[in-house]
Amino acid sequence: MTAYATPAQMFERKRVETINDLVSDDGVRQSRVDLLSHPHLLTALADASGAIDAALTAGRRYSTGDLADLTGNAASLLQRVCCDIAMALLYERNPGREVEQQQRYRELSESHLQRLRSGEDVFQQQAAGAGLPTVDGPSAVDYARLNLLPDRTRNFYPGRDSRLPRDRR
């Protein structure tokens, strides 16, 4: 499974210099092209996507297939959430660096994940019940139109009202 956001999408949302500082172990800055395939950045995005999947599983609002089908603003929101969580994970790699920012991203990522766990954060209105199964069956009208043998031979079989549950509509 691929991450919900790419490094290029993360560069659009976050400062590249900050990302470069957070992924670097030796303090040497890398070019944007090198950052696109940096293992620490790719791992943070994959971990963030895994955290989103875990929260969605707990919230039972969406499946991973539902998220893959998101488009437009909903897809952009998903990428934003993934990038925020990835930034929190990158700050965790460097515990002493910019403590205020680290705390802010940690709180933001926990807020995103909590809203996803509770099912509150709906990405797309028409997909609000996308992952929720529904149980449905034939109505009494549909059942009456079946023209079953007991309906055609009324004097031989008991009446329909004694065969169906009373609260069925």
Foldseek 3Di string as FASTA:
>chain_A
DAFLAALVLLVVVDPPVVVQCLLDPVRDGDDPVVVRPRPLLRVLRVVLRVLLQVLLVLQLFDHVVVLVPDDDPLSNVSNVLSSLSSVLVSCVSVVVPPPVVNVVSVVSNVVVSVCSNNLNDDSDVVSRRVRPDDDDDDAPVRVVVPPDPCVVVVVPDDDPVVVDDPPTD
